[in-house]
């Protein structure tokens, strides 16, 4: 295991690292942005989103750190806790920069798994009421089998190009 992408749920990182102590942890940038936006006034939202994008869409970690410093300089007077929160989580927010450019956009968020979870919840919700727990487990099982068959045929953008580098990273770690 090279990387675990997580939403910041307390205890999840520690539990993951107990099982995979040599893996990197990537904090989901989308969750971090959403959490940040909950703490700002509506009138600043668009501008803050633009400034946050400069951080996580920077071409390298060095540029991302500079963008974070710029964000801090710009917003600290109004929202001193915002940049501080990003600085505290910086290593986990910027872990994706250790990986090939071709896959970085795929690994800085949990959106792909969130979508799968949403589909499962939607499927279970339309059932209204299920006779027992076993019925819910069966629906969950069938949905996961369906996802596995779809995803086993799908090629994720950039991963083929990154294959050799990922193998190298894995061999260096383990």
N, C-alpha and C. Protein backbone atom coordinates (compact mmCIF):
# COMPACT_ATOMS: atom_id res chain seq x y z
N UNK A 1 0.86 -1.17 0.00
CA UNK A 1 0.00 0.00 0.00
C UNK A 1 0.90 1.23 0.00
N UNK A 2 0.70 2.08 -0.99
CA UNK A 2 1.48 3.31 -1.06
C UNK A 2 0.77 4.50 -0.44
N UNK A 3 -0.56 4.56 -0.63
CA UNK A 3 -1.28 5.78 -0.28
C UNK A 3 -2.70 5.47 0.16
N UNK A 4 -3.12 6.12 1.23
CA UNK A 4 -4.51 6.08 1.66
C UNK A 4 -5.07 7.48 1.55
N UNK A 5 -6.19 7.63 0.88
CA UNK A 5 -6.83 8.94 0.72
C UNK A 5 -8.03 8.98 1.66
N UNK A 6 -8.05 9.98 2.54
CA UNK A 6 -9.05 10.01 3.62
C UNK A 6 -9.70 11.37 3.75
N UNK A 7 -10.85 11.35 4.41
CA UNK A 7 -11.63 12.58 4.53
C UNK A 7 -11.38 13.38 5.80
N UNK A 8 -10.47 12.94 6.64
CA UNK A 8 -10.17 13.68 7.86
C UNK A 8 -10.95 13.23 9.07
N UNK A 9 -11.65 12.14 8.95
CA UNK A 9 -12.40 11.59 10.08
C UNK A 9 -11.43 11.28 11.23
N UNK A 10 -11.70 11.78 12.43
CA UNK A 10 -10.78 11.55 13.55
C UNK A 10 -10.52 10.06 13.78
N UNK A 11 -9.26 9.71 13.94
CA UNK A 11 -8.86 8.34 14.21
C UNK A 11 -8.59 7.50 12.98
N UNK A 12 -9.08 7.92 11.82
CA UNK A 12 -8.92 7.12 10.61
C UNK A 12 -7.46 7.02 10.18
N UNK A 13 -6.75 8.14 10.22
CA UNK A 13 -5.34 8.13 9.84
C UNK A 13 -4.53 7.22 10.75
N UNK A 14 -4.74 7.32 12.05
CA UNK A 14 -4.00 6.47 13.00
C UNK A 14 -4.28 4.99 12.76
N UNK A 15 -5.54 4.66 12.54
CA UNK A 15 -5.92 3.27 12.29
C UNK A 15 -5.27 2.77 10.99
N UNK A 16 -5.31 3.59 9.96
CA UNK A 16 -4.72 3.23 8.67
C UNK A 16 -3.22 2.99 8.82
N UNK A 17 -2.54 3.91 9.51
CA UNK A 17 -1.08 3.80 9.65
C UNK A 17 -0.66 2.63 10.54
N UNK A 18 -1.53 2.16 11.41
CA UNK A 18 -1.22 0.96 12.19
C UNK A 18 -1.14 -0.26 11.28
N UNK A 19 -2.00 -0.29 10.27
CA UNK A 19 -2.02 -1.41 9.34
C UNK A 19 -0.97 -1.22 8.24
N UNK A 20 -0.81 0.01 7.77
CA UNK A 20 0.12 0.33 6.68
C UNK A 20 1.10 1.42 7.13
N UNK A 21 2.04 1.09 7.99
CA UNK A 21 2.92 2.11 8.57
C UNK A 21 3.84 2.82 7.57
N UNK A 22 4.09 2.22 6.43
CA UNK A 22 4.98 2.84 5.44
C UNK A 22 4.23 3.64 4.38
N UNK A 23 2.93 3.62 4.44
CA UNK A 23 2.12 4.31 3.43
C UNK A 23 2.03 5.81 3.71
N UNK A 24 1.75 6.56 2.67
CA UNK A 24 1.45 7.98 2.81
C UNK A 24 -0.03 8.14 3.06
N UNK A 25 -0.38 9.24 3.70
CA UNK A 25 -1.78 9.59 3.91
C UNK A 25 -2.05 10.88 3.16
N UNK A 26 -3.07 10.85 2.33
CA UNK A 26 -3.51 12.04 1.60
C UNK A 26 -4.86 12.47 2.16
N UNK A 27 -4.92 13.64 2.68
CA UNK A 27 -6.18 14.21 3.16
C UNK A 27 -6.96 14.68 1.94
N UNK A 28 -8.23 14.35 1.88
CA UNK A 28 -9.07 14.74 0.75
C UNK A 28 -9.16 16.26 0.68
N UNK A 29 -8.66 16.82 -0.40
CA UNK A 29 -8.65 18.27 -0.57
C UNK A 29 -10.07 18.81 -0.70
N UNK A 30 -10.94 18.08 -1.36
CA UNK A 30 -12.32 18.54 -1.53
C UNK A 30 -13.01 18.67 -0.18
N UNK A 31 -12.83 17.70 0.70
CA UNK A 31 -13.40 17.79 2.05
C UNK A 31 -12.81 18.97 2.82
N UNK A 32 -11.50 19.16 2.68
CA UNK A 32 -10.85 20.27 3.38
C UNK A 32 -11.39 21.62 2.89
N UNK A 33 -11.57 21.75 1.58
CA UNK A 33 -12.13 22.99 1.03
C UNK A 33 -13.54 23.20 1.57
N UNK A 34 -14.36 22.17 1.53
CA UNK A 34 -15.74 22.29 2.04
C UNK A 34 -15.75 22.71 3.51
N UNK A 35 -14.91 22.08 4.31
CA UNK A 35 -14.84 22.43 5.73
C UNK A 35 -14.37 23.86 5.92
N UNK A 36 -13.46 24.30 5.08
CA UNK A 36 -12.97 25.68 5.15
C UNK A 36 -14.08 26.66 4.82
N UNK A 37 -14.84 26.36 3.78
CA UNK A 37 -15.89 27.28 3.33
C UNK A 37 -17.03 27.41 4.33
N UNK A 38 -17.21 26.42 5.19
CA UNK A 38 -18.25 26.52 6.23
C UNK A 38 -17.92 27.61 7.25
N UNK A 39 -16.67 28.04 7.25
CA UNK A 39 -16.22 28.99 8.27
C UNK A 39 -16.07 30.41 7.75
N UNK A 40 -16.52 30.66 6.51
CA UNK A 40 -16.36 32.00 5.94
C UNK A 40 -17.71 32.60 5.57
N UNK A 41 -17.71 33.92 5.45
CA UNK A 41 -18.92 34.63 5.03
C UNK A 41 -19.17 34.36 3.56
N UNK A 42 -20.44 34.32 3.19
CA UNK A 42 -20.84 34.03 1.80
C UNK A 42 -20.16 34.98 0.81
N UNK A 43 -20.03 36.24 1.18
CA UNK A 43 -19.47 37.22 0.25
C UNK A 43 -18.00 36.96 -0.08
N UNK A 44 -17.32 36.15 0.74
CA UNK A 44 -15.91 35.84 0.49
C UNK A 44 -15.70 34.47 -0.16
N UNK A 45 -16.76 33.70 -0.27
CA UNK A 45 -16.65 32.31 -0.71
C UNK A 45 -15.96 32.17 -2.07
N UNK A 46 -16.42 32.88 -3.07
CA UNK A 46 -15.84 32.72 -4.42
C UNK A 46 -14.36 33.07 -4.45
N UNK A 47 -14.00 34.14 -3.78
CA UNK A 47 -12.60 34.56 -3.78
C UNK A 47 -11.72 33.57 -3.01
N UNK A 48 -12.24 33.05 -1.92
CA UNK A 48 -11.49 32.06 -1.15
C UNK A 48 -11.34 30.76 -1.94
N UNK A 49 -12.38 30.35 -2.64
CA UNK A 49 -12.28 29.15 -3.49
C UNK A 49 -11.18 29.34 -4.53
N UNK A 50 -11.16 30.49 -5.16
CA UNK A 50 -10.13 30.79 -6.17
C UNK A 50 -8.74 30.70 -5.55
N UNK A 51 -8.58 31.27 -4.37
CA UNK A 51 -7.27 31.24 -3.71
C UNK A 51 -6.89 29.84 -3.24
N UNK A 52 -7.86 29.06 -2.79
CA UNK A 52 -7.57 27.68 -2.39
C UNK A 52 -7.17 26.82 -3.58
N UNK A 53 -7.80 27.05 -4.73
CA UNK A 53 -7.43 26.29 -5.93
C UNK A 53 -5.97 26.53 -6.31
N UNK A 54 -5.48 27.73 -6.05
CA UNK A 54 -4.07 28.03 -6.34
C UNK A 54 -3.15 27.15 -5.49
N UNK A 55 -3.65 26.73 -4.34
CA UNK A 55 -2.85 25.87 -3.47
C UNK A 55 -2.82 24.44 -4.01
N UNK A 56 -3.99 23.82 -4.15
CA UNK A 56 -3.99 22.40 -4.50
C UNK A 56 -3.88 22.11 -6.00
N UNK A 57 -3.93 23.15 -6.82
CA UNK A 57 -3.71 22.94 -8.25
C UNK A 57 -2.34 23.47 -8.68
N UNK A 58 -1.52 23.80 -7.71
CA UNK A 58 -0.16 24.27 -8.00
C UNK A 58 0.63 23.15 -8.69
N UNK A 59 1.58 23.51 -9.55
CA UNK A 59 2.33 22.49 -10.28
C UNK A 59 3.32 21.68 -9.44
N UNK A 60 3.63 22.15 -8.23
CA UNK A 60 4.54 21.41 -7.36
C UNK A 60 4.25 21.76 -5.91
N UNK A 61 4.83 20.98 -5.03
CA UNK A 61 4.64 21.25 -3.60
C UNK A 61 5.20 22.63 -3.23
N UNK A 62 6.32 22.99 -3.81
CA UNK A 62 6.93 24.29 -3.50
C UNK A 62 5.98 25.43 -3.87
N UNK A 63 5.38 25.36 -5.04
CA UNK A 63 4.41 26.38 -5.45
C UNK A 63 3.16 26.34 -4.57
N UNK A 64 2.76 25.15 -4.16
CA UNK A 64 1.60 25.01 -3.28
C UNK A 64 1.87 25.68 -1.94
N UNK A 65 3.07 25.47 -1.42
CA UNK A 65 3.43 26.10 -0.15
C UNK A 65 3.45 27.62 -0.28
N UNK A 66 3.94 28.12 -1.41
CA UNK A 66 3.94 29.56 -1.64
C UNK A 66 2.51 30.09 -1.73
N UNK A 67 1.66 29.35 -2.43
CA UNK A 67 0.25 29.75 -2.55
C UNK A 67 -0.44 29.74 -1.18
N UNK A 68 -0.07 28.79 -0.33
CA UNK A 68 -0.63 28.74 1.02
C UNK A 68 -0.15 29.94 1.84
N UNK A 69 1.11 30.30 1.69
CA UNK A 69 1.63 31.49 2.36
C UNK A 69 0.91 32.75 1.88
N UNK A 70 0.68 32.82 0.57
CA UNK A 70 -0.06 33.96 0.00
C UNK A 70 -1.49 34.01 0.55
N UNK A 71 -2.12 32.84 0.62
CA UNK A 71 -3.47 32.74 1.18
C UNK A 71 -3.48 33.25 2.61
N UNK A 72 -2.50 32.82 3.38
CA UNK A 72 -2.40 33.24 4.77
C UNK A 72 -2.23 34.76 4.88
N UNK A 73 -1.35 35.31 4.08
CA UNK A 73 -1.13 36.76 4.11
C UNK A 73 -2.39 37.53 3.77
N UNK A 74 -3.14 37.01 2.82
CA UNK A 74 -4.34 37.70 2.36
C UNK A 74 -5.50 37.60 3.34
N UNK A 75 -5.70 36.43 3.94
CA UNK A 75 -6.93 36.18 4.70
C UNK A 75 -6.76 36.12 6.22
N UNK A 76 -5.54 36.14 6.72
CA UNK A 76 -5.35 35.97 8.17
C UNK A 76 -6.03 37.03 9.03
N UNK A 77 -6.13 38.24 8.54
CA UNK A 77 -6.78 39.28 9.36
C UNK A 77 -8.26 38.99 9.55
N UNK A 78 -8.92 38.55 8.50
CA UNK A 78 -10.36 38.24 8.60
C UNK A 78 -10.63 36.86 9.18
N UNK A 79 -9.82 35.89 8.77
CA UNK A 79 -10.03 34.49 9.17
C UNK A 79 -8.70 33.85 9.59
N UNK A 80 -8.19 34.19 10.76
CA UNK A 80 -6.87 33.68 11.17
C UNK A 80 -6.79 32.16 11.30
N UNK A 81 -7.90 31.51 11.55
CA UNK A 81 -7.91 30.06 11.75
C UNK A 81 -7.86 29.28 10.43
N UNK A 82 -8.23 29.90 9.31
CA UNK A 82 -8.31 29.16 8.04
C UNK A 82 -6.95 28.66 7.59
N UNK A 83 -6.02 29.57 7.38
CA UNK A 83 -4.70 29.16 6.90
C UNK A 83 -4.01 28.27 7.93
N UNK A 84 -4.20 28.58 9.20
CA UNK A 84 -3.58 27.78 10.26
C UNK A 84 -3.99 26.31 10.14
N UNK A 85 -5.25 26.09 9.86
CA UNK A 85 -5.76 24.73 9.68
C UNK A 85 -5.07 24.04 8.50
N UNK A 86 -4.87 24.77 7.41
CA UNK A 86 -4.19 24.20 6.24
C UNK A 86 -2.71 23.94 6.55
N UNK A 87 -2.08 24.85 7.28
CA UNK A 87 -0.68 24.63 7.67
C UNK A 87 -0.55 23.37 8.54
N UNK A 88 -1.47 23.19 9.47
CA UNK A 88 -1.43 22.02 10.36
C UNK A 88 -1.59 20.71 9.59
N UNK A 89 -2.38 20.72 8.54
CA UNK A 89 -2.65 19.51 7.75
C UNK A 89 -1.81 19.43 6.47
N UNK A 90 -0.84 20.32 6.34
CA UNK A 90 -0.09 20.47 5.09
C UNK A 90 0.52 19.17 4.58
N UNK A 91 1.16 18.41 5.45
CA UNK A 91 1.82 17.18 4.98
C UNK A 91 0.82 16.20 4.38
N UNK A 92 -0.35 16.09 5.01
CA UNK A 92 -1.37 15.19 4.47
C UNK A 92 -2.08 15.79 3.26
N UNK A 93 -2.22 17.10 3.22
CA UNK A 93 -2.86 17.74 2.06
C UNK A 93 -1.97 17.73 0.83
N UNK A 94 -0.66 17.72 1.04
CA UNK A 94 0.29 17.80 -0.08
C UNK A 94 0.96 16.46 -0.39
N UNK A 95 0.52 15.37 0.21
CA UNK A 95 1.13 14.06 -0.04
C UNK A 95 1.07 13.68 -1.52
N UNK A 96 0.02 14.10 -2.21
CA UNK A 96 -0.13 13.72 -3.62
C UNK A 96 1.00 14.23 -4.50
N UNK A 97 1.71 15.26 -4.06
CA UNK A 97 2.83 15.79 -4.84
C UNK A 97 4.01 14.82 -4.91
N UNK A 98 4.04 13.79 -4.08
CA UNK A 98 5.10 12.77 -4.12
C UNK A 98 4.90 11.81 -5.29
N UNK A 99 3.73 11.87 -5.91
CA UNK A 99 3.35 10.90 -6.93
C UNK A 99 3.38 11.53 -8.32
N UNK A 100 3.43 10.70 -9.36
CA UNK A 100 3.52 11.24 -10.72
C UNK A 100 2.40 12.23 -11.06
N UNK A 101 2.77 13.24 -11.83
CA UNK A 101 1.82 14.28 -12.25
C UNK A 101 0.56 13.69 -12.87
N UNK A 102 0.72 12.63 -13.63
CA UNK A 102 -0.40 12.08 -14.39
C UNK A 102 -1.54 11.55 -13.52
N UNK A 103 -1.26 11.28 -12.24
CA UNK A 103 -2.32 10.74 -11.37
C UNK A 103 -2.70 11.67 -10.22
N UNK A 104 -2.04 12.79 -10.12
CA UNK A 104 -2.27 13.66 -8.95
C UNK A 104 -3.72 14.08 -8.79
N UNK A 105 -4.39 14.42 -9.88
CA UNK A 105 -5.79 14.85 -9.77
C UNK A 105 -6.70 13.71 -9.30
N UNK A 106 -6.30 12.49 -9.55
CA UNK A 106 -7.10 11.33 -9.14
C UNK A 106 -6.91 10.97 -7.68
N UNK A 107 -5.79 11.39 -7.10
CA UNK A 107 -5.49 10.91 -5.75
C UNK A 107 -5.59 11.97 -4.66
N UNK A 108 -5.93 13.20 -5.00
CA UNK A 108 -6.05 14.20 -3.93
C UNK A 108 -7.47 14.33 -3.39
N UNK A 109 -8.36 13.47 -3.81
CA UNK A 109 -9.74 13.52 -3.34
C UNK A 109 -10.33 12.12 -3.19
N UNK A 110 -11.34 12.02 -2.35
CA UNK A 110 -12.07 10.76 -2.18
C UNK A 110 -13.36 10.77 -2.99
N UNK A 111 -13.51 11.70 -3.91
CA UNK A 111 -14.77 11.84 -4.65
C UNK A 111 -15.21 10.55 -5.34
N UNK A 112 -14.28 9.79 -5.89
CA UNK A 112 -14.65 8.58 -6.61
C UNK A 112 -15.28 7.54 -5.68
N UNK A 113 -14.78 7.43 -4.46
CA UNK A 113 -15.39 6.48 -3.53
C UNK A 113 -16.66 7.06 -2.92
N UNK A 114 -16.69 8.38 -2.76
CA UNK A 114 -17.90 9.04 -2.24
C UNK A 114 -19.06 8.80 -3.20
N UNK A 115 -18.77 8.85 -4.47
CA UNK A 115 -19.81 8.61 -5.48
C UNK A 115 -20.37 7.19 -5.35
N UNK A 116 -19.49 6.24 -5.18
CA UNK A 116 -19.93 4.85 -5.01
C UNK A 116 -20.80 4.70 -3.76
N UNK A 117 -20.38 5.32 -2.67
CA UNK A 117 -21.17 5.26 -1.43
C UNK A 117 -22.53 5.91 -1.62
N UNK A 118 -22.57 7.01 -2.35
CA UNK A 118 -23.84 7.71 -2.61
C UNK A 118 -24.79 6.81 -3.39
N UNK A 119 -24.26 6.11 -4.38
CA UNK A 119 -25.08 5.20 -5.18
C UNK A 119 -25.64 4.06 -4.32
N UNK A 120 -24.82 3.55 -3.42
CA UNK A 120 -25.29 2.47 -2.54
C UNK A 120 -26.39 2.98 -1.62
N UNK A 121 -26.18 4.16 -1.02
CA UNK A 121 -27.21 4.74 -0.14
C UNK A 121 -28.50 4.97 -0.91
N UNK A 122 -28.36 5.48 -2.14
CA UNK A 122 -29.53 5.75 -2.98
C UNK A 122 -30.29 4.45 -3.25
N UNK A 123 -29.56 3.40 -3.54
CA UNK A 123 -30.18 2.11 -3.84
C UNK A 123 -30.91 1.56 -2.61
N UNK A 124 -30.29 1.66 -1.46
CA UNK A 124 -30.92 1.17 -0.23
C UNK A 124 -32.12 2.03 0.17
N UNK A 125 -32.03 3.33 -0.06
CA UNK A 125 -33.11 4.23 0.32
C UNK A 125 -34.37 3.98 -0.51
N UNK A 126 -34.21 3.66 -1.78
CA UNK A 126 -35.37 3.43 -2.64
C UNK A 126 -36.11 2.15 -2.26
N UNK A 127 -35.45 1.30 -1.51
CA UNK A 127 -36.08 0.06 -1.08
C UNK A 127 -37.10 0.32 0.03
N UNK A 128 -37.06 1.53 0.58
CA UNK A 128 -37.97 1.98 1.64
C UNK A 128 -37.78 1.19 2.93
N UNK A 129 -38.20 -0.03 2.94
CA UNK A 129 -37.95 -0.84 4.14
C UNK A 129 -37.55 -2.24 3.68
N UNK A 130 -36.60 -2.77 4.37
CA UNK A 130 -36.11 -4.10 4.04
C UNK A 130 -36.54 -5.06 5.15
N UNK A 131 -36.82 -6.30 4.80
CA UNK A 131 -37.33 -7.24 5.80
C UNK A 131 -36.34 -7.52 6.93
N UNK A 132 -35.04 -7.48 6.61
CA UNK A 132 -34.04 -7.75 7.64
C UNK A 132 -32.67 -7.26 7.19
N UNK A 133 -31.71 -7.39 8.08
CA UNK A 133 -30.35 -6.94 7.80
C UNK A 133 -29.72 -7.73 6.66
N UNK A 134 -30.05 -8.99 6.57
CA UNK A 134 -29.51 -9.86 5.52
C UNK A 134 -29.89 -9.34 4.13
N UNK A 135 -31.11 -8.82 3.99
CA UNK A 135 -31.56 -8.28 2.71
C UNK A 135 -30.73 -7.05 2.33
N UNK A 136 -30.45 -6.20 3.29
CA UNK A 136 -29.62 -5.01 3.03
C UNK A 136 -28.20 -5.44 2.64
N UNK A 137 -27.67 -6.44 3.33
CA UNK A 137 -26.34 -6.95 3.01
C UNK A 137 -26.29 -7.52 1.59
N UNK A 138 -27.35 -8.18 1.17
CA UNK A 138 -27.40 -8.75 -0.17
C UNK A 138 -27.39 -7.64 -1.22
N UNK A 139 -28.16 -6.59 -0.99
CA UNK A 139 -28.18 -5.46 -1.93
C UNK A 139 -26.80 -4.82 -1.99
N UNK A 140 -26.19 -4.63 -0.84
CA UNK A 140 -24.85 -4.06 -0.77
C UNK A 140 -23.86 -4.94 -1.53
N UNK A 141 -23.92 -6.23 -1.30
CA UNK A 141 -23.05 -7.19 -1.97
C UNK A 141 -23.21 -7.11 -3.49
N UNK A 142 -24.45 -7.12 -3.96
CA UNK A 142 -24.70 -7.08 -5.40
C UNK A 142 -24.22 -5.77 -6.02
N UNK A 143 -24.39 -4.67 -5.31
CA UNK A 143 -23.94 -3.38 -5.82
C UNK A 143 -22.41 -3.35 -5.91
N UNK A 144 -21.75 -3.90 -4.92
CA UNK A 144 -20.28 -3.95 -4.93
C UNK A 144 -19.78 -4.85 -6.05
N UNK A 145 -20.43 -5.98 -6.27
CA UNK A 145 -20.07 -6.86 -7.38
C UNK A 145 -20.22 -6.11 -8.71
N UNK A 146 -21.30 -5.36 -8.84
CA UNK A 146 -21.54 -4.55 -10.04
C UNK A 146 -20.41 -3.53 -10.23
N UNK A 147 -20.05 -2.83 -9.16
CA UNK A 147 -18.95 -1.86 -9.24
C UNK A 147 -17.64 -2.54 -9.62
N UNK A 148 -17.35 -3.68 -9.01
CA UNK A 148 -16.11 -4.38 -9.33
C UNK A 148 -16.04 -4.76 -10.79
N UNK A 149 -17.15 -5.23 -11.35
CA UNK A 149 -17.12 -5.61 -12.77
C UNK A 149 -16.93 -4.39 -13.66
N UNK A 150 -17.57 -3.28 -13.32
CA UNK A 150 -17.40 -2.05 -14.12
C UNK A 150 -15.98 -1.49 -13.99
N UNK A 151 -15.47 -1.43 -12.76
CA UNK A 151 -14.17 -0.81 -12.53
C UNK A 151 -13.02 -1.70 -12.98
N UNK A 152 -13.22 -3.01 -13.04
CA UNK A 152 -12.13 -3.89 -13.48
C UNK A 152 -11.83 -3.69 -14.96
N UNK A 153 -12.79 -3.21 -15.71
CA UNK A 153 -12.60 -2.96 -17.14
C UNK A 153 -12.15 -1.52 -17.42
N UNK A 154 -12.30 -0.66 -16.45
CA UNK A 154 -12.04 0.76 -16.66
C UNK A 154 -10.56 1.09 -16.47
N UNK A 155 -10.07 1.95 -17.30
CA UNK A 155 -8.69 2.43 -17.19
C UNK A 155 -8.73 3.82 -16.58
N UNK A 156 -8.09 3.99 -15.46
CA UNK A 156 -8.04 5.29 -14.82
C UNK A 156 -7.00 6.16 -15.50
N UNK A 157 -7.38 7.36 -15.78
CA UNK A 157 -6.53 8.30 -16.50
C UNK A 157 -5.19 8.51 -15.78
N UNK A 158 -4.12 8.31 -16.52
CA UNK A 158 -2.79 8.60 -16.02
C UNK A 158 -2.08 7.48 -15.29
N UNK A 159 -2.81 6.44 -14.89
CA UNK A 159 -2.17 5.39 -14.09
C UNK A 159 -1.24 4.50 -14.92
N UNK A 160 -1.57 4.28 -16.17
CA UNK A 160 -0.68 3.49 -17.01
C UNK A 160 0.65 4.22 -17.19
N UNK A 161 0.58 5.52 -17.42
CA UNK A 161 1.80 6.32 -17.56
C UNK A 161 2.61 6.35 -16.26
N UNK A 162 1.93 6.23 -15.13
CA UNK A 162 2.60 6.31 -13.83
C UNK A 162 3.05 4.94 -13.31
N UNK A 163 2.71 3.89 -14.01
CA UNK A 163 2.93 2.53 -13.53
C UNK A 163 4.37 2.28 -13.07
N UNK A 164 5.34 2.58 -13.90
CA UNK A 164 6.74 2.30 -13.56
C UNK A 164 7.19 3.07 -12.32
N UNK A 165 6.78 4.33 -12.23
CA UNK A 165 7.15 5.15 -11.08
C UNK A 165 6.49 4.61 -9.80
N UNK A 166 5.25 4.17 -9.91
CA UNK A 166 4.55 3.61 -8.74
C UNK A 166 5.22 2.32 -8.28
N UNK A 167 5.63 1.49 -9.23
CA UNK A 167 6.35 0.26 -8.88
C UNK A 167 7.66 0.60 -8.18
N UNK A 168 8.37 1.59 -8.70
CA UNK A 168 9.62 2.03 -8.08
C UNK A 168 9.39 2.53 -6.65
N UNK A 169 8.37 3.36 -6.47
CA UNK A 169 8.04 3.86 -5.13
C UNK A 169 7.73 2.71 -4.17
N UNK A 170 6.97 1.74 -4.66
CA UNK A 170 6.61 0.59 -3.83
C UNK A 170 7.85 -0.21 -3.44
N UNK A 171 8.72 -0.47 -4.41
CA UNK A 171 9.93 -1.26 -4.14
C UNK A 171 10.87 -0.54 -3.18
N UNK A 172 10.95 0.78 -3.29
CA UNK A 172 11.80 1.56 -2.38
C UNK A 172 11.28 1.50 -0.95
N UNK A 173 9.98 1.44 -0.80
CA UNK A 173 9.38 1.44 0.54
C UNK A 173 9.37 0.07 1.18
N UNK A 174 9.15 -0.95 0.38
CA UNK A 174 8.97 -2.29 0.94
C UNK A 174 10.08 -3.22 0.49
